[in-house]
Structure formats: structure tokens, C-alpha cells
């Protein structure tokens, strides 16, 4: 398990990126590139199994925006910038990073619970 420090930092990074998505909403391609470039070193930061983490990140990066697109399609909410299936391009890259924070937090809680 990565430990509380790394888990909290990974989750905090996700929230910081989420904040930046609003701050730089007029630059979707820049957000996408920045989030993906952050994702690469973020993968190794937690020390979790890299292969499993990549698979989890990609799954969440595909399924998360797909689910949001489905909700948006119903009229529940709408993104101002819609690049693919009612969601912005950068959303998948945000989910990629969020997956790492979630995995780090769940792994750390599980390790603490087992002690």
C-alpha cells in the first residue's frame, strides 16, 4: 500500500486538476495534454502495481466519461465544451488521474484495516 501521505497527495492532485479544468475551461486541448502528461509520472508515484493501475485508469477513463455522457444525453446536465459524446476531451484524462487517487486510497484503507 502506498501509505496515507501518498494516497492523500494523489487524491489532492485529482481535486487540483478538477479545479484547473474550470479555471482553464477555454483551453480543452491544453488541459487534455497537461492531464495526460501528469498522469504518466503519477502512475509510478504510488508504488502500486503498474499494469493493474494502467488497466484501472483506462477503464475509468473510458467508462467515467461514457457514464457522464449518458447522463448528459438525458438533459440532466450539459458541459459547455462537448468534444465527444456530450463531454469535453479532457474529462477522460481527469478520470485517468482520479483512478490513481482512488486506487491509492482504497489500497491504503485496506492495508490499515488489515493491521
C-alpha atoms as a PDB file:
ATOM      1  CA  UNK A   1       0.000   0.000   0.000  1.00  0.00           C
ATOM      2  CA  UNK A   2       1.270   3.490  -0.776  1.00  0.00           C
ATOM      3  CA  UNK A   3       0.534   4.873   2.699  1.00  0.00           C
ATOM      4  CA  UNK A   4      -1.603   7.784   3.819  1.00  0.00           C
ATOM      5  CA  UNK A   5       0.732  10.524   2.602  1.00  0.00           C
ATOM      6  CA  UNK A   6       0.833   9.301  -0.991  1.00  0.00           C
ATOM      7  CA  UNK A   7      -2.863   8.424  -1.016  1.00  0.00           C
ATOM      8  CA  UNK A   8      -3.868  11.875   0.230  1.00  0.00           C
ATOM      9  CA  UNK A   9      -1.493  13.582  -2.216  1.00  0.00           C
ATOM     10  CA  UNK A  10      -2.897  11.552  -5.125  1.00  0.00           C
ATOM     11  CA  UNK A  11      -6.464  12.454  -4.190  1.00  0.00           C
ATOM     12  CA  UNK A  12      -5.449  16.100  -3.686  1.00  0.00           C
ATOM     13  CA  UNK A  13      -3.858  16.091  -7.146  1.00  0.00           C
ATOM     14  CA  UNK A  14      -7.154  14.884  -8.612  1.00  0.00           C
ATOM     15  CA  UNK A  15      -9.035  17.742  -6.913  1.00  0.00           C
ATOM     16  CA  UNK A  16      -6.415  20.253  -8.083  1.00  0.00           C
ATOM     17  CA  UNK A  17      -6.787  19.020 -11.667  1.00  0.00           C
ATOM     18  CA  UNK A  18     -10.565  19.189 -11.340  1.00  0.00           C
ATOM     19  CA  UNK A  19     -10.225  22.807 -10.196  1.00  0.00           C
ATOM     20  CA  UNK A  20      -7.920  23.574 -13.130  1.00  0.00           C
ATOM     21  CA  UNK A  21     -10.493  22.167 -15.549  1.00  0.00           C
ATOM     22  CA  UNK A  22     -12.778  25.033 -14.560  1.00  0.00           C
ATOM     23  CA  UNK A  23     -10.049  27.645 -14.463  1.00  0.00           C
ATOM     24  CA  UNK A  24      -8.759  26.770 -17.943  1.00  0.00           C
ATOM     25  CA  UNK A  25     -12.066  25.670 -19.473  1.00  0.00           C
ATOM     26  CA  UNK A  26     -11.354  27.668 -22.626  1.00  0.00           C
ATOM     27  CA  UNK A  27      -8.280  25.524 -23.364  1.00  0.00           C
ATOM     28  CA  UNK A  28      -9.579  21.928 -23.618  1.00  0.00           C
ATOM     29  CA  UNK A  29      -6.658  20.598 -25.662  1.00  0.00           C
ATOM     30  CA  UNK A  30      -4.163  22.160 -23.258  1.00  0.00           C
ATOM     31  CA  UNK A  31      -5.997  20.570 -20.321  1.00  0.00           C
ATOM     32  CA  UNK A  32      -6.010  17.185 -22.021  1.00  0.00           C
ATOM     33  CA  UNK A  33      -2.290  17.304 -22.798  1.00  0.00           C
ATOM     34  CA  UNK A  34      -1.383  18.583 -19.318  1.00  0.00           C
ATOM     35  CA  UNK A  35      -3.547  15.978 -17.565  1.00  0.00           C
ATOM     36  CA  UNK A  36      -2.051  13.146 -19.635  1.00  0.00           C
ATOM     37  CA  UNK A  37       1.495  14.387 -19.024  1.00  0.00           C
ATOM     38  CA  UNK A  38       0.741  14.495 -15.293  1.00  0.00           C
ATOM     39  CA  UNK A  39      -0.801  11.016 -15.419  1.00  0.00           C
ATOM     40  CA  UNK A  40       2.421   9.387 -16.617  1.00  0.00           C
ATOM     41  CA  UNK A  41       4.591  10.175 -13.552  1.00  0.00           C
ATOM     42  CA  UNK A  42       1.526   9.934 -11.300  1.00  0.00           C
ATOM     43  CA  UNK A  43       1.298   6.241 -12.246  1.00  0.00           C
ATOM     44  CA  UNK A  44       4.595   5.412 -10.560  1.00  0.00           C
ATOM     45  CA  UNK A  45       4.184   7.817  -7.611  1.00  0.00           C
ATOM     46  CA  UNK A  46       2.005   5.498  -5.520  1.00  0.00           C
ATOM     47  CA  UNK A  47       4.150   2.398  -5.984  1.00  0.00           C
ATOM     48  CA  UNK A  48       1.113   0.281  -6.843  1.00  0.00           C
ATOM     49  CA  UNK A  49       1.269  -2.472  -9.483  1.00  0.00           C
ATOM     50  CA  UNK A  50       1.780  -0.513 -12.705  1.00  0.00           C
ATOM     51  CA  UNK A  51      -0.038  -2.923 -15.007  1.00  0.00           C
ATOM     52  CA  UNK A  52      -3.151  -3.063 -12.821  1.00  0.00           C
ATOM     53  CA  UNK A  53      -3.083   0.693 -12.340  1.00  0.00           C
ATOM     54  CA  UNK A  54      -2.905   1.367 -16.092  1.00  0.00           C
ATOM     55  CA  UNK A  55      -5.804  -1.018 -16.753  1.00  0.00           C
ATOM     56  CA  UNK A  56      -7.889   0.558 -13.958  1.00  0.00           C
ATOM     57  CA  UNK A  57      -7.067   4.069 -15.174  1.00  0.00           C
ATOM     58  CA  UNK A  58      -8.010   3.270 -18.766  1.00  0.00           C
ATOM     59  CA  UNK A  59     -11.235   1.557 -17.698  1.00  0.00           C
ATOM     60  CA  UNK A  60     -12.227   4.524 -15.553  1.00  0.00           C
ATOM     61  CA  UNK A  61     -11.061   6.929 -18.276  1.00  0.00           C
ATOM     62  CA  UNK A  62     -13.429   5.285 -20.752  1.00  0.00           C
ATOM     63  CA  UNK A  63     -16.367   4.307 -18.549  1.00  0.00           C
ATOM     64  CA  UNK A  64     -16.477   7.522 -16.487  1.00  0.00           C
ATOM     65  CA  UNK A  65     -16.902   9.895 -19.433  1.00  0.00           C
ATOM     66  CA  UNK A  66     -19.259   7.408 -21.105  1.00  0.00           C
ATOM     67  CA  UNK A  67     -21.474   7.397 -17.996  1.00  0.00           C
ATOM     68  CA  UNK A  68     -21.347  11.188 -17.798  1.00  0.00           C
ATOM     69  CA  UNK A  69     -22.203  11.398 -21.490  1.00  0.00           C
ATOM     70  CA  UNK A  70     -25.219   9.159 -20.930  1.00  0.00           C
ATOM     71  CA  UNK A  71     -26.396  11.394 -18.066  1.00  0.00           C
ATOM     72  CA  UNK A  72     -25.806  14.482 -20.171  1.00  0.00           C
ATOM     73  CA  UNK A  73     -27.753  12.926 -23.043  1.00  0.00           C
ATOM     74  CA  UNK A  74     -30.808  12.775 -20.774  1.00  0.00           C
ATOM     75  CA  UNK A  75     -30.586  16.530 -20.172  1.00  0.00           C
ATOM     76  CA  UNK A  76     -29.545  16.138 -16.527  1.00  0.00           C
ATOM     77  CA  UNK A  77     -26.603  18.489 -17.142  1.00  0.00           C
ATOM     78  CA  UNK A  78     -24.534  19.734 -20.048  1.00  0.00           C
ATOM     79  CA  UNK A  79     -20.885  20.589 -20.497  1.00  0.00           C
ATOM     80  CA  UNK A  80     -20.269  23.891 -22.273  1.00  0.00           C
ATOM     81  CA  UNK A  81     -17.485  22.280 -24.309  1.00  0.00           C
ATOM     82  CA  UNK A  82     -18.581  18.955 -25.793  1.00  0.00           C
ATOM     83  CA  UNK A  83     -15.927  17.179 -27.836  1.00  0.00           C
ATOM     84  CA  UNK A  84     -17.184  13.591 -27.830  1.00  0.00           C
ATOM     85  CA  UNK A  85     -20.493  12.127 -26.679  1.00  0.00           C
ATOM     86  CA  UNK A  86     -21.538  15.239 -24.751  1.00  0.00           C
ATOM     87  CA  UNK A  87     -18.319  15.522 -22.704  1.00  0.00           C
ATOM     88  CA  UNK A  88     -15.088  17.508 -23.093  1.00  0.00           C
ATOM     89  CA  UNK A  89     -11.901  15.853 -24.318  1.00  0.00           C
ATOM     90  CA  UNK A  90     -10.010  16.453 -21.071  1.00  0.00           C
ATOM     91  CA  UNK A  91     -12.537  14.520 -18.961  1.00  0.00           C
ATOM     92  CA  UNK A  92     -11.031  11.115 -19.739  1.00  0.00           C
ATOM     93  CA  UNK A  93      -7.563  12.337 -18.737  1.00  0.00           C
ATOM     94  CA  UNK A  94      -9.029  13.665 -15.479  1.00  0.00           C
ATOM     95  CA  UNK A  95     -10.531  10.229 -14.801  1.00  0.00           C
ATOM     96  CA  UNK A  96      -7.143   8.624 -15.559  1.00  0.00           C
ATOM     97  CA  UNK A  97      -5.639  10.632 -12.691  1.00  0.00           C
ATOM     98  CA  UNK A  98      -8.667  10.129 -10.453  1.00  0.00           C
ATOM     99  CA  UNK A  99      -8.288   6.367 -10.809  1.00  0.00           C
ATOM    100  CA  UNK A 100      -4.809   6.560  -9.321  1.00  0.00           C
ATOM    101  CA  UNK A 101      -6.038   8.566  -6.334  1.00  0.00           C
ATOM    102  CA  UNK A 102      -8.905   6.147  -5.795  1.00  0.00           C
ATOM    103  CA  UNK A 103      -6.665   3.084  -6.056  1.00  0.00           C
ATOM    104  CA  UNK A 104      -4.131   4.593  -3.649  1.00  0.00           C
ATOM    105  CA  UNK A 105      -6.828   5.485  -1.131  1.00  0.00           C
ATOM    106  CA  UNK A 106      -8.582   2.098  -1.303  1.00  0.00           C
ATOM    107  CA  UNK A 107      -5.257   0.236  -1.046  1.00  0.00           C
ATOM    108  CA  UNK A 108      -4.183   2.294   1.961  1.00  0.00           C
ATOM    109  CA  UNK A 109      -7.527   1.893   3.756  1.00  0.00           C
ATOM    110  CA  UNK A 110      -7.434  -1.853   3.087  1.00  0.00           C
ATOM    111  CA  UNK A 111      -3.882  -2.131   4.464  1.00  0.00           C
ATOM    112  CA  UNK A 112      -4.833  -0.138   7.575  1.00  0.00           C
ATOM    113  CA  UNK A 113      -7.916  -2.289   8.123  1.00  0.00           C
ATOM    114  CA  UNK A 114      -5.831  -5.479   7.992  1.00  0.00           C
ATOM    115  CA  UNK A 115      -3.479  -4.340  10.770  1.00  0.00           C
END
